[in-house]
Amino acid sequence: MDFEGIRTEDLGKRFSREWILRAIRSEFRSGEKWAVLGPNGTGKSTFLKLLSGYVAPTQGEIIWTFDGRHIPLEKRYSYLSYSAPYLELPEEYSLDEILKFHFRLKQVRSEAALQEAIVESGLDRHRHKLIRDFSSGMKQRVKLILCLLSDVKVYLLDEPCTNLDEHGVSFYDSLLSGLSAESLCLIASNDPREFRQASKHILLNRPE
């Protein structure tokens, strides 16, 4: 079994009577960074949700193959890390508390890299502040740290620079460049700053 990554076969998603995605055939291999492109409303976020198992397809298959075996849907959570504007953080936690909670569920790529990222992000002096008191940009930096410092096979990023200033975008670039060369990363975006490290792309269009 040589293929390591995610394969879709005739993948489609319909909401009510409207097809958002249809007949998507693709292969995403370990070691690749992909941009998921397309005009607004063409299903970029839906595509990531389908790949992750967050929503179920209307038709077709999504096949995950890692470590020489097929990964069933119920096991995929341990292989992936996800960041998106619509995924909320638990606001009653402090930064330190959410980091401890998250990295009990996911192994950290490097404790030294994690501590460096907290300082580089400008969040170091806010470790004991509750997430509900963070600005939108601070929350986005927390999401990126939780996602990109997790030691997983697959990283799914939906509009990762939402609410970030130029320093935040540079911070994102730094985290992204630190990913393992064997990992697979998919970035759904229409902002070239977000996918400039991607060497491959898939263009989604609304089905006719």
N, C-alpha and C. Protein backbone atom coordinates (compact mmCIF):
# COMPACT_ATOMS: atom_id res chain seq x y z
N MET A 1 0.85 -1.18 0.00
CA MET A 1 0.00 0.00 0.00
C MET A 1 0.90 1.24 0.00
N ASP A 2 1.20 1.78 -1.20
CA ASP A 2 2.15 2.87 -1.33
C ASP A 2 1.55 4.23 -1.02
N PHE A 3 0.27 4.42 -1.31
CA PHE A 3 -0.36 5.73 -1.15
C PHE A 3 -0.51 6.07 0.33
N GLU A 4 -0.06 7.28 0.70
CA GLU A 4 -0.25 7.79 2.06
C GLU A 4 -0.91 9.16 1.93
N GLY A 5 -2.12 9.28 2.38
CA GLY A 5 -2.82 10.56 2.29
C GLY A 5 -4.32 10.34 2.25
N ILE A 6 -5.00 11.27 1.55
CA ILE A 6 -6.46 11.25 1.47
C ILE A 6 -6.87 11.21 0.01
N ARG A 7 -7.82 10.33 -0.30
CA ARG A 7 -8.33 10.20 -1.66
C ARG A 7 -9.85 10.39 -1.63
N THR A 8 -10.39 11.13 -2.59
CA THR A 8 -11.84 11.24 -2.73
C THR A 8 -12.26 10.62 -4.06
N GLU A 9 -13.39 9.95 -4.03
CA GLU A 9 -13.92 9.30 -5.23
C GLU A 9 -15.37 9.71 -5.43
N ASP A 10 -15.61 10.50 -6.48
CA ASP A 10 -16.96 10.97 -6.82
C ASP A 10 -17.65 11.63 -5.63
N LEU A 11 -16.89 12.42 -4.89
CA LEU A 11 -17.40 13.04 -3.67
C LEU A 11 -18.40 14.15 -4.00
N GLY A 12 -19.51 14.14 -3.27
CA GLY A 12 -20.51 15.18 -3.46
C GLY A 12 -21.26 15.48 -2.18
N LYS A 13 -21.73 16.72 -2.07
CA LYS A 13 -22.53 17.14 -0.91
C LYS A 13 -23.68 18.01 -1.39
N ARG A 14 -24.88 17.62 -0.94
CA ARG A 14 -26.08 18.38 -1.29
C ARG A 14 -26.75 18.84 0.00
N PHE A 15 -27.18 20.10 0.02
CA PHE A 15 -27.99 20.62 1.11
C PHE A 15 -29.38 20.90 0.55
N SER A 16 -30.37 20.20 1.10
CA SER A 16 -31.72 20.25 0.55
C SER A 16 -31.65 19.76 -0.90
N ARG A 17 -32.04 20.59 -1.86
CA ARG A 17 -31.99 20.17 -3.28
C ARG A 17 -30.79 20.73 -4.02
N GLU A 18 -29.96 21.46 -3.33
CA GLU A 18 -28.84 22.15 -3.99
C GLU A 18 -27.53 21.42 -3.76
N TRP A 19 -26.85 21.08 -4.87
CA TRP A 19 -25.53 20.48 -4.79
C TRP A 19 -24.50 21.58 -4.57
N ILE A 20 -23.72 21.43 -3.50
CA ILE A 20 -22.62 22.35 -3.24
C ILE A 20 -21.34 21.85 -3.89
N LEU A 21 -21.10 20.56 -3.78
CA LEU A 21 -19.96 19.88 -4.41
C LEU A 21 -20.48 18.63 -5.09
N ARG A 22 -19.84 18.26 -6.19
CA ARG A 22 -20.29 17.05 -6.87
C ARG A 22 -19.16 16.44 -7.71
N ALA A 23 -19.05 15.12 -7.62
CA ALA A 23 -18.12 14.35 -8.46
C ALA A 23 -16.67 14.82 -8.31
N ILE A 24 -16.23 15.04 -7.07
CA ILE A 24 -14.85 15.47 -6.83
C ILE A 24 -13.96 14.25 -6.70
N ARG A 25 -13.01 14.14 -7.58
CA ARG A 25 -12.01 13.07 -7.53
C ARG A 25 -10.65 13.71 -7.30
N SER A 26 -10.00 13.31 -6.23
CA SER A 26 -8.74 13.97 -5.88
C SER A 26 -7.86 13.05 -5.05
N GLU A 27 -6.57 13.36 -5.05
CA GLU A 27 -5.60 12.67 -4.20
C GLU A 27 -4.70 13.70 -3.54
N PHE A 28 -4.60 13.64 -2.25
CA PHE A 28 -3.74 14.53 -1.47
C PHE A 28 -2.75 13.66 -0.71
N ARG A 29 -1.49 13.82 -1.03
CA ARG A 29 -0.47 12.92 -0.49
C ARG A 29 0.30 13.56 0.67
N SER A 30 0.77 12.71 1.55
CA SER A 30 1.63 13.16 2.63
C SER A 30 2.82 13.92 2.05
N GLY A 31 3.22 14.99 2.72
CA GLY A 31 4.33 15.81 2.25
C GLY A 31 3.92 16.95 1.35
N GLU A 32 2.61 17.11 1.11
CA GLU A 32 2.12 18.15 0.20
C GLU A 32 1.37 19.24 0.97
N LYS A 33 1.46 20.46 0.46
CA LYS A 33 0.62 21.58 0.92
C LYS A 33 -0.28 21.99 -0.25
N TRP A 34 -1.58 21.98 0.00
CA TRP A 34 -2.57 22.27 -1.03
C TRP A 34 -3.35 23.54 -0.71
N ALA A 35 -3.64 24.33 -1.72
CA ALA A 35 -4.61 25.42 -1.62
C ALA A 35 -5.93 24.93 -2.18
N VAL A 36 -6.99 25.10 -1.41
CA VAL A 36 -8.35 24.78 -1.87
C VAL A 36 -8.98 26.10 -2.28
N LEU A 37 -9.13 26.30 -3.58
CA LEU A 37 -9.53 27.59 -4.13
C LEU A 37 -10.92 27.53 -4.73
N GLY A 38 -11.49 28.71 -4.96
CA GLY A 38 -12.79 28.80 -5.61
C GLY A 38 -13.53 30.03 -5.15
N PRO A 39 -14.43 30.56 -5.99
CA PRO A 39 -15.23 31.72 -5.59
C PRO A 39 -16.04 31.43 -4.34
N ASN A 40 -16.47 32.49 -3.68
CA ASN A 40 -17.33 32.31 -2.52
C ASN A 40 -18.57 31.50 -2.88
N GLY A 41 -18.93 30.58 -2.00
CA GLY A 41 -20.12 29.76 -2.23
C GLY A 41 -19.88 28.50 -3.01
N THR A 42 -18.61 28.19 -3.31
CA THR A 42 -18.32 26.98 -4.09
C THR A 42 -17.94 25.79 -3.21
N GLY A 43 -18.05 25.95 -1.89
CA GLY A 43 -17.91 24.77 -1.04
C GLY A 43 -16.54 24.51 -0.47
N LYS A 44 -15.69 25.53 -0.36
CA LYS A 44 -14.35 25.30 0.18
C LYS A 44 -14.41 24.82 1.63
N SER A 45 -15.18 25.52 2.45
CA SER A 45 -15.31 25.11 3.85
C SER A 45 -15.99 23.75 3.96
N THR A 46 -17.01 23.54 3.15
CA THR A 46 -17.70 22.25 3.14
C THR A 46 -16.76 21.12 2.77
N PHE A 47 -15.87 21.38 1.83
CA PHE A 47 -14.91 20.36 1.40
C PHE A 47 -14.02 19.94 2.56
N LEU A 48 -13.50 20.91 3.33
CA LEU A 48 -12.68 20.56 4.49
C LEU A 48 -13.50 19.80 5.53
N LYS A 49 -14.73 20.22 5.75
CA LYS A 49 -15.59 19.52 6.71
C LYS A 49 -15.83 18.08 6.28
N LEU A 50 -15.99 17.86 5.00
CA LEU A 50 -16.16 16.50 4.48
C LEU A 50 -14.90 15.67 4.71
N LEU A 51 -13.75 16.23 4.38
CA LEU A 51 -12.50 15.48 4.55
C LEU A 51 -12.28 15.09 6.00
N SER A 52 -12.66 15.99 6.91
CA SER A 52 -12.42 15.73 8.34
C SER A 52 -13.43 14.76 8.94
N GLY A 53 -14.57 14.59 8.27
CA GLY A 53 -15.64 13.79 8.85
C GLY A 53 -16.62 14.61 9.66
N TYR A 54 -16.43 15.93 9.69
CA TYR A 54 -17.32 16.83 10.43
C TYR A 54 -18.74 16.80 9.86
N VAL A 55 -18.86 16.66 8.54
CA VAL A 55 -20.15 16.43 7.89
C VAL A 55 -20.00 15.20 6.99
N ALA A 56 -21.13 14.56 6.71
CA ALA A 56 -21.12 13.33 5.90
C ALA A 56 -21.40 13.66 4.44
N PRO A 57 -20.77 12.95 3.51
CA PRO A 57 -21.04 13.19 2.09
C PRO A 57 -22.43 12.69 1.69
N THR A 58 -22.98 13.31 0.67
CA THR A 58 -24.23 12.82 0.08
C THR A 58 -23.95 11.67 -0.87
N GLN A 59 -22.80 11.75 -1.52
CA GLN A 59 -22.40 10.66 -2.42
C GLN A 59 -20.88 10.54 -2.42
N GLY A 60 -20.40 9.40 -2.87
CA GLY A 60 -18.97 9.18 -3.01
C GLY A 60 -18.29 8.74 -1.73
N GLU A 61 -16.97 8.64 -1.81
CA GLU A 61 -16.17 8.13 -0.70
C GLU A 61 -14.99 9.05 -0.40
N ILE A 62 -14.58 9.02 0.87
CA ILE A 62 -13.36 9.69 1.32
C ILE A 62 -12.50 8.62 1.99
N ILE A 63 -11.32 8.37 1.45
CA ILE A 63 -10.48 7.27 1.93
C ILE A 63 -9.19 7.86 2.52
N TRP A 64 -8.99 7.59 3.79
CA TRP A 64 -7.77 8.01 4.48
C TRP A 64 -6.84 6.81 4.58
N THR A 65 -5.59 6.97 4.14
CA THR A 65 -4.59 5.91 4.23
C THR A 65 -3.32 6.46 4.85
N PHE A 66 -3.02 5.99 6.05
CA PHE A 66 -1.79 6.42 6.75
C PHE A 66 -1.21 5.22 7.49
N ASP A 67 0.11 5.26 7.68
CA ASP A 67 0.80 4.18 8.39
C ASP A 67 0.51 2.81 7.77
N GLY A 68 0.31 2.81 6.44
CA GLY A 68 0.12 1.56 5.73
C GLY A 68 -1.24 0.92 5.90
N ARG A 69 -2.24 1.68 6.37
CA ARG A 69 -3.57 1.09 6.54
C ARG A 69 -4.64 2.16 6.34
N HIS A 70 -5.84 1.70 6.04
CA HIS A 70 -6.97 2.60 5.91
C HIS A 70 -7.43 3.03 7.31
N ILE A 71 -7.74 4.31 7.45
CA ILE A 71 -8.14 4.85 8.75
C ILE A 71 -9.65 5.05 8.73
N PRO A 72 -10.39 4.35 9.60
CA PRO A 72 -11.85 4.52 9.62
C PRO A 72 -12.25 5.88 10.14
N LEU A 73 -13.48 6.27 9.84
CA LEU A 73 -13.98 7.59 10.20
C LEU A 73 -13.80 7.89 11.68
N GLU A 74 -14.12 6.92 12.53
CA GLU A 74 -14.09 7.17 13.97
C GLU A 74 -12.68 7.33 14.53
N LYS A 75 -11.64 7.04 13.73
CA LYS A 75 -10.26 7.17 14.18
C LYS A 75 -9.56 8.40 13.61
N ARG A 76 -10.21 9.11 12.70
CA ARG A 76 -9.54 10.19 11.98
C ARG A 76 -9.18 11.37 12.87
N TYR A 77 -9.96 11.57 13.94
CA TYR A 77 -9.71 12.72 14.81
C TYR A 77 -8.29 12.74 15.35
N SER A 78 -7.72 11.54 15.57
CA SER A 78 -6.37 11.48 16.14
C SER A 78 -5.29 11.75 15.09
N TYR A 79 -5.66 11.80 13.82
CA TYR A 79 -4.72 12.03 12.73
C TYR A 79 -4.77 13.46 12.21
N LEU A 80 -5.74 14.26 12.66
CA LEU A 80 -5.91 15.57 12.06
C LEU A 80 -5.97 16.68 13.09
N SER A 81 -5.69 17.88 12.62
CA SER A 81 -5.85 19.10 13.39
C SER A 81 -6.51 20.12 12.48
N TYR A 82 -7.43 20.92 13.04
CA TYR A 82 -8.33 21.74 12.23
C TYR A 82 -8.40 23.15 12.83
N SER A 83 -8.31 24.15 11.98
CA SER A 83 -8.51 25.53 12.41
C SER A 83 -9.46 26.21 11.43
N ALA A 84 -10.49 26.87 11.98
CA ALA A 84 -11.47 27.56 11.14
C ALA A 84 -12.15 28.66 11.95
N PRO A 85 -12.59 29.73 11.29
CA PRO A 85 -13.26 30.82 12.01
C PRO A 85 -14.51 30.37 12.75
N TYR A 86 -15.20 29.34 12.23
CA TYR A 86 -16.46 28.90 12.84
C TYR A 86 -16.26 27.91 13.98
N LEU A 87 -15.03 27.50 14.26
CA LEU A 87 -14.76 26.63 15.39
C LEU A 87 -14.46 27.50 16.61
N GLU A 88 -15.27 27.38 17.64
CA GLU A 88 -15.15 28.26 18.80
C GLU A 88 -14.18 27.68 19.84
N LEU A 89 -13.54 28.57 20.56
CA LEU A 89 -12.70 28.19 21.69
C LEU A 89 -13.54 28.23 22.97
N PRO A 90 -13.23 27.38 23.96
CA PRO A 90 -13.93 27.45 25.25
C PRO A 90 -13.55 28.72 26.00
N GLU A 91 -14.45 29.65 26.08
CA GLU A 91 -14.10 30.99 26.55
C GLU A 91 -13.93 31.09 28.05
N GLU A 92 -14.34 30.07 28.79
CA GLU A 92 -14.17 30.11 30.24
C GLU A 92 -12.77 29.64 30.67
N TYR A 93 -11.93 29.22 29.70
CA TYR A 93 -10.57 28.79 29.99
C TYR A 93 -9.60 29.96 29.83
N SER A 94 -8.53 29.91 30.59
CA SER A 94 -7.40 30.81 30.33
C SER A 94 -6.55 30.20 29.22
N LEU A 95 -5.60 30.98 28.70
CA LEU A 95 -4.70 30.46 27.67
C LEU A 95 -3.95 29.23 28.18
N ASP A 96 -3.37 29.32 29.36
CA ASP A 96 -2.64 28.17 29.92
C ASP A 96 -3.54 26.95 30.05
N GLU A 97 -4.78 27.16 30.47
CA GLU A 97 -5.70 26.04 30.67
C GLU A 97 -6.07 25.38 29.35
N ILE A 98 -6.31 26.20 28.33
CA ILE A 98 -6.69 25.61 27.04
C ILE A 98 -5.53 24.88 26.40
N LEU A 99 -4.31 25.38 26.60
CA LEU A 99 -3.13 24.68 26.08
C LEU A 99 -2.96 23.33 26.76
N LYS A 100 -3.10 23.30 28.09
CA LYS A 100 -2.97 22.05 28.83
C LYS A 100 -4.04 21.06 28.42
N PHE A 101 -5.27 21.54 28.28
CA PHE A 101 -6.38 20.67 27.88
C PHE A 101 -6.15 20.10 26.49
N HIS A 102 -5.83 20.97 25.54
CA HIS A 102 -5.66 20.53 24.15
C HIS A 102 -4.52 19.52 24.01
N PHE A 103 -3.40 19.80 24.65
CA PHE A 103 -2.24 18.94 24.46
C PHE A 103 -2.23 17.72 25.38
N ARG A 104 -3.32 17.53 26.09
CA ARG A 104 -3.58 16.21 26.66
C ARG A 104 -4.28 15.32 25.64
N LEU A 105 -4.99 15.94 24.70
CA LEU A 105 -5.71 15.19 23.66
C LEU A 105 -4.84 14.95 22.43
N LYS A 106 -3.99 15.92 22.10
CA LYS A 106 -3.07 15.81 20.96
C LYS A 106 -1.65 15.97 21.47
N GLN A 107 -0.75 15.19 20.92
CA GLN A 107 0.65 15.34 21.30
C GLN A 107 1.22 16.61 20.67
N VAL A 108 1.99 17.36 21.43
CA VAL A 108 2.61 18.57 20.92
C VAL A 108 3.81 18.20 20.04
N ARG A 109 4.01 18.94 18.94
CA ARG A 109 5.14 18.65 18.05
C ARG A 109 6.45 18.84 18.78
N SER A 110 6.54 19.88 19.58
CA SER A 110 7.75 20.17 20.34
C SER A 110 7.38 21.15 21.44
N GLU A 111 7.70 20.83 22.67
CA GLU A 111 7.40 21.73 23.77
C GLU A 111 8.17 23.05 23.61
N ALA A 112 9.42 22.96 23.15
CA ALA A 112 10.21 24.17 22.92
C ALA A 112 9.57 25.03 21.85
N ALA A 113 9.10 24.40 20.76
CA ALA A 113 8.45 25.15 19.68
C ALA A 113 7.15 25.79 20.17
N LEU A 114 6.43 25.09 21.04
CA LEU A 114 5.19 25.64 21.59
C LEU A 114 5.47 26.90 22.41
N GLN A 115 6.44 26.83 23.29
CA GLN A 115 6.76 27.98 24.13
C GLN A 115 7.27 29.16 23.28
N GLU A 116 8.04 28.85 22.26
CA GLU A 116 8.54 29.88 21.35
C GLU A 116 7.38 30.54 20.61
N ALA A 117 6.40 29.73 20.19
CA ALA A 117 5.25 30.26 19.46
C ALA A 117 4.41 31.18 20.34
N ILE A 118 4.25 30.83 21.61
CA ILE A 118 3.48 31.67 22.52
C ILE A 118 4.13 33.04 22.66
N VAL A 119 5.45 33.05 22.75
CA VAL A 119 6.17 34.33 22.86
C VAL A 119 6.09 35.09 21.54
N GLU A 120 6.35 34.41 20.43
CA GLU A 120 6.36 35.05 19.11
C GLU A 120 4.99 35.63 18.76
N SER A 121 3.94 34.98 19.23
CA SER A 121 2.58 35.43 18.94
C SER A 121 2.18 36.67 19.73
N GLY A 122 2.96 37.00 20.77
CA GLY A 122 2.62 38.10 21.64
C GLY A 122 1.64 37.75 22.73
N LEU A 123 1.37 36.44 22.91
CA LEU A 123 0.38 35.99 23.89
C LEU A 123 0.99 35.64 25.24
N ASP A 124 2.29 35.71 25.35
CA ASP A 124 2.96 35.24 26.56
C ASP A 124 2.48 35.97 27.82
N ARG A 125 2.24 37.24 27.70
CA ARG A 125 1.82 38.00 28.88
C ARG A 125 0.32 37.86 29.18
N HIS A 126 -0.36 37.07 28.36
CA HIS A 126 -1.80 36.86 28.55
C HIS A 126 -2.13 35.43 28.97
N ARG A 127 -1.17 34.71 29.47
CA ARG A 127 -1.35 33.30 29.79
C ARG A 127 -2.50 33.04 30.76
N HIS A 128 -2.75 33.97 31.69
CA HIS A 128 -3.76 33.74 32.72
C HIS A 128 -5.07 34.48 32.44
N LYS A 129 -5.13 35.13 31.30
CA LYS A 129 -6.36 35.83 30.93
C LYS A 129 -7.35 34.84 30.33
N LEU A 130 -8.65 35.02 30.60
CA LEU A 130 -9.67 34.15 30.03
C LEU A 130 -9.81 34.42 28.54
N ILE A 131 -10.07 33.36 27.78
CA ILE A 131 -10.21 33.48 26.33
C ILE A 131 -11.32 34.46 25.96
N ARG A 132 -12.37 34.55 26.76
CA ARG A 132 -13.47 35.46 26.45
C ARG A 132 -13.02 36.93 26.44
N ASP A 133 -11.89 37.21 27.08
CA ASP A 133 -11.38 38.57 27.12
C ASP A 133 -10.33 38.84 26.04
N PHE A 134 -10.09 37.86 25.18
CA PHE A 134 -9.15 38.03 24.08
C PHE A 134 -9.83 38.76 22.92
N SER A 135 -9.05 39.52 22.17
CA SER A 135 -9.55 40.10 20.92
C SER A 135 -9.71 39.00 19.88
N SER A 136 -10.38 39.33 18.76
CA SER A 136 -10.58 38.33 17.70
C SER A 136 -9.24 37.89 17.11
N GLY A 137 -8.28 38.82 16.99
CA GLY A 137 -6.97 38.45 16.47
C GLY A 137 -6.21 37.55 17.43
N MET A 138 -6.32 37.80 18.72
CA MET A 138 -5.67 36.94 19.71
C MET A 138 -6.26 35.53 19.67
N LYS A 139 -7.58 35.45 19.57
CA LYS A 139 -8.23 34.14 19.49
C LYS A 139 -7.75 33.37 18.25
N GLN A 140 -7.59 34.07 17.14
CA GLN A 140 -7.13 33.39 15.93
C GLN A 140 -5.71 32.87 16.10
N ARG A 141 -4.86 33.63 16.78
CA ARG A 141 -3.49 33.15 17.02
C ARG A 141 -3.51 31.91 17.93
N VAL A 142 -4.41 31.89 18.90
CA VAL A 142 -4.54 30.70 19.75
C VAL A 142 -4.95 29.49 18.91
N LYS A 143 -5.93 29.69 18.03
CA LYS A 143 -6.38 28.59 17.16
C LYS A 143 -5.24 28.04 16.32
N LEU A 144 -4.43 28.93 15.78
CA LEU A 144 -3.31 28.49 14.94
C LEU A 144 -2.27 27.73 15.75
N ILE A 145 -1.99 28.19 16.97
CA ILE A 145 -1.05 27.48 17.83
C ILE A 145 -1.57 26.08 18.14
N LEU A 146 -2.82 25.97 18.54
CA LEU A 146 -3.40 24.67 18.87
C LEU A 146 -3.36 23.73 17.66
N CYS A 147 -3.66 24.27 16.49
CA CYS A 147 -3.70 23.43 15.29
C CYS A 147 -2.31 23.04 14.81
N LEU A 148 -1.45 24.04 14.61
CA LEU A 148 -0.19 23.80 13.90
C LEU A 148 0.94 23.30 14.81
N LEU A 149 0.74 23.35 16.12
CA LEU A 149 1.73 22.76 17.02
C LEU A 149 1.33 21.36 17.47
N SER A 150 0.21 20.84 16.95
CA SER A 150 -0.17 19.46 17.22
C SER A 150 0.62 18.52 16.31
N ASP A 151 1.00 17.39 16.84
CA ASP A 151 1.79 16.40 16.09
C ASP A 151 0.84 15.42 15.44
N VAL A 152 0.39 15.74 14.22
CA VAL A 152 -0.60 14.93 13.51
C VAL A 152 -0.15 14.74 12.06
N LYS A 153 -0.91 13.96 11.33
CA LYS A 153 -0.60 13.70 9.92
C LYS A 153 -1.20 14.74 8.99
N VAL A 154 -2.38 15.30 9.37
CA VAL A 154 -3.15 16.15 8.47
C VAL A 154 -3.53 17.45 9.17
N TYR A 155 -3.30 18.58 8.46
CA TYR A 155 -3.68 19.89 8.96
C TYR A 155 -4.68 20.50 7.98
N LEU A 156 -5.84 20.86 8.49
CA LEU A 156 -6.88 21.49 7.68
C LEU A 156 -7.07 22.92 8.17
N LEU A 157 -6.86 23.87 7.28
CA LEU A 157 -6.89 25.29 7.64
C LEU A 157 -7.92 26.02 6.77
N ASP A 158 -8.91 26.60 7.40
CA ASP A 158 -9.94 27.36 6.68
C ASP A 158 -9.74 28.84 6.99
N GLU A 159 -9.38 29.62 5.97
CA GLU A 159 -9.14 31.06 6.11
C GLU A 159 -8.28 31.35 7.35
N PRO A 160 -7.07 30.83 7.40
CA PRO A 160 -6.27 30.88 8.63
C PRO A 160 -5.82 32.27 9.06
N CYS A 161 -5.86 33.26 8.17
CA CYS A 161 -5.42 34.60 8.56
C CYS A 161 -6.58 35.53 8.91
N THR A 162 -7.77 34.99 9.10
CA THR A 162 -8.92 35.79 9.52
C THR A 162 -8.57 36.58 10.79
N ASN A 163 -8.82 37.87 10.76
CA ASN A 163 -8.62 38.77 11.91
C ASN A 163 -7.15 39.00 12.29
N LEU A 164 -6.22 38.60 11.44
CA LEU A 164 -4.80 38.80 11.75
C LEU A 164 -4.26 40.06 11.08
N ASP A 165 -3.42 40.79 11.81
CA ASP A 165 -2.69 41.90 11.22
C ASP A 165 -1.43 41.34 10.53
N GLU A 166 -0.59 42.23 10.02
CA GLU A 166 0.58 41.76 9.26
C GLU A 166 1.53 40.95 10.14
N HIS A 167 1.68 41.33 11.40
CA HIS A 167 2.52 40.54 12.30
C HIS A 167 1.91 39.16 12.49
N GLY A 168 0.58 39.10 12.61
CA GLY A 168 -0.09 37.80 12.75
C GLY A 168 0.07 36.93 11.53
N VAL A 169 0.04 37.53 10.35
CA VAL A 169 0.24 36.77 9.11
C VAL A 169 1.66 36.20 9.06
N SER A 170 2.65 36.99 9.47
CA SER A 170 4.03 36.49 9.51
C SER A 170 4.16 35.35 10.52
N PHE A 171 3.47 35.48 11.64
CA PHE A 171 3.46 34.42 12.65
C PHE A 171 2.87 33.14 12.07
N TYR A 172 1.77 33.26 11.36
CA TYR A 172 1.16 32.11 10.68
C TYR A 172 2.15 31.46 9.71
N ASP A 173 2.81 32.28 8.90
CA ASP A 173 3.79 31.75 7.94
C ASP A 173 4.88 30.95 8.65
N SER A 174 5.32 31.46 9.77
CA SER A 174 6.37 30.78 10.54
C SER A 174 5.90 29.43 11.05
N LEU A 175 4.68 29.39 11.58
CA LEU A 175 4.14 28.11 12.06
C LEU A 175 3.99 27.12 10.92
N LEU A 176 3.48 27.61 9.79
CA LEU A 176 3.25 26.72 8.65
C LEU A 176 4.55 26.14 8.11
N SER A 177 5.59 26.94 8.06
CA SER A 177 6.87 26.46 7.54
C SER A 177 7.53 25.45 8.48
N GLY A 178 7.08 25.41 9.73
CA GLY A 178 7.64 24.47 10.70
C GLY A 178 7.01 23.10 10.69
N LEU A 179 6.00 22.89 9.85
CA LEU A 179 5.36 21.58 9.80
C LEU A 179 6.32 20.52 9.28
N SER A 180 6.10 19.30 9.72
CA SER A 180 6.90 18.18 9.25
C SER A 180 6.81 18.04 7.73
N ALA A 181 7.89 17.66 7.12
CA ALA A 181 7.92 17.45 5.66
C ALA A 181 7.05 16.29 5.24
N GLU A 182 6.66 15.44 6.18
CA GLU A 182 5.81 14.28 5.87
C GLU A 182 4.33 14.57 6.07
N SER A 183 3.99 15.75 6.58
CA SER A 183 2.58 16.04 6.87
C SER A 183 1.85 16.48 5.60
N LEU A 184 0.53 16.43 5.67
CA LEU A 184 -0.34 16.89 4.60
C LEU A 184 -1.11 18.09 5.11
N CYS A 185 -1.14 19.17 4.34
CA CYS A 185 -1.82 20.40 4.76
C CYS A 185 -2.70 20.89 3.62
N LEU A 186 -3.97 21.19 3.94
CA LEU A 186 -4.90 21.77 2.98
C LEU A 186 -5.40 23.10 3.53
N ILE A 187 -5.35 24.15 2.69
CA ILE A 187 -5.68 25.50 3.11
C ILE A 187 -6.80 26.02 2.21
N ALA A 188 -7.99 26.23 2.77
CA ALA A 188 -9.12 26.77 2.02
C ALA A 188 -9.10 28.28 2.13
N SER A 189 -8.98 28.96 0.98
CA SER A 189 -8.81 30.41 1.03
C SER A 189 -8.95 31.03 -0.35
N ASN A 190 -9.25 32.33 -0.34
CA ASN A 190 -9.13 33.16 -1.54
C ASN A 190 -8.08 34.25 -1.36
N ASP A 191 -7.35 34.19 -0.25
CA ASP A 191 -6.34 35.20 0.08
C ASP A 191 -4.95 34.62 -0.20
N PRO A 192 -4.24 35.16 -1.20
CA PRO A 192 -2.93 34.59 -1.56
C PRO A 192 -1.93 34.55 -0.41
N ARG A 193 -2.07 35.43 0.58
CA ARG A 193 -1.16 35.40 1.72
C ARG A 193 -1.28 34.09 2.50
N GLU A 194 -2.46 33.50 2.45
CA GLU A 194 -2.72 32.32 3.26
C GLU A 194 -2.17 31.04 2.64
N PHE A 195 -2.07 31.01 1.31
CA PHE A 195 -1.65 29.76 0.65
C PHE A 195 -0.37 29.91 -0.16
N ARG A 196 0.44 30.94 0.15
CA ARG A 196 1.65 31.15 -0.66
C ARG A 196 2.68 30.03 -0.47
N GLN A 197 2.56 29.25 0.60
CA GLN A 197 3.47 28.11 0.78
C GLN A 197 2.98 26.84 0.08
N ALA A 198 1.76 26.89 -0.43
CA ALA A 198 1.20 25.70 -1.09
C ALA A 198 1.76 25.57 -2.50
N SER A 199 2.20 24.38 -2.85
CA SER A 199 2.75 24.15 -4.18
C SER A 199 1.73 23.51 -5.12
N LYS A 200 0.57 23.11 -4.58
CA LYS A 200 -0.48 22.49 -5.38
C LYS A 200 -1.80 23.16 -5.05
N HIS A 201 -2.77 23.06 -5.99
CA HIS A 201 -4.08 23.63 -5.71
C HIS A 201 -5.18 22.80 -6.36
N ILE A 202 -6.36 22.89 -5.76
CA ILE A 202 -7.56 22.31 -6.34
C ILE A 202 -8.58 23.44 -6.42
N LEU A 203 -9.19 23.59 -7.58
CA LEU A 203 -10.15 24.68 -7.82
C LEU A 203 -11.55 24.10 -7.81
N LEU A 204 -12.37 24.61 -6.89
CA LEU A 204 -13.76 24.17 -6.79
C LEU A 204 -14.67 25.15 -7.53
N ASN A 205 -15.64 24.59 -8.23
CA ASN A 205 -16.64 25.41 -8.91
C ASN A 205 -18.01 24.86 -8.58
N ARG A 206 -19.00 25.75 -8.54
CA ARG A 206 -20.35 25.30 -8.23
C ARG A 206 -20.86 24.37 -9.32
N PRO A 207 -21.42 23.20 -8.95
CA PRO A 207 -21.95 22.28 -9.96
C PRO A 207 -23.06 22.92 -10.79
N GLU A 208 -23.11 22.56 -12.05
CA GLU A 208 -24.16 23.09 -12.92
C GLU A 208 -25.44 22.31 -12.74
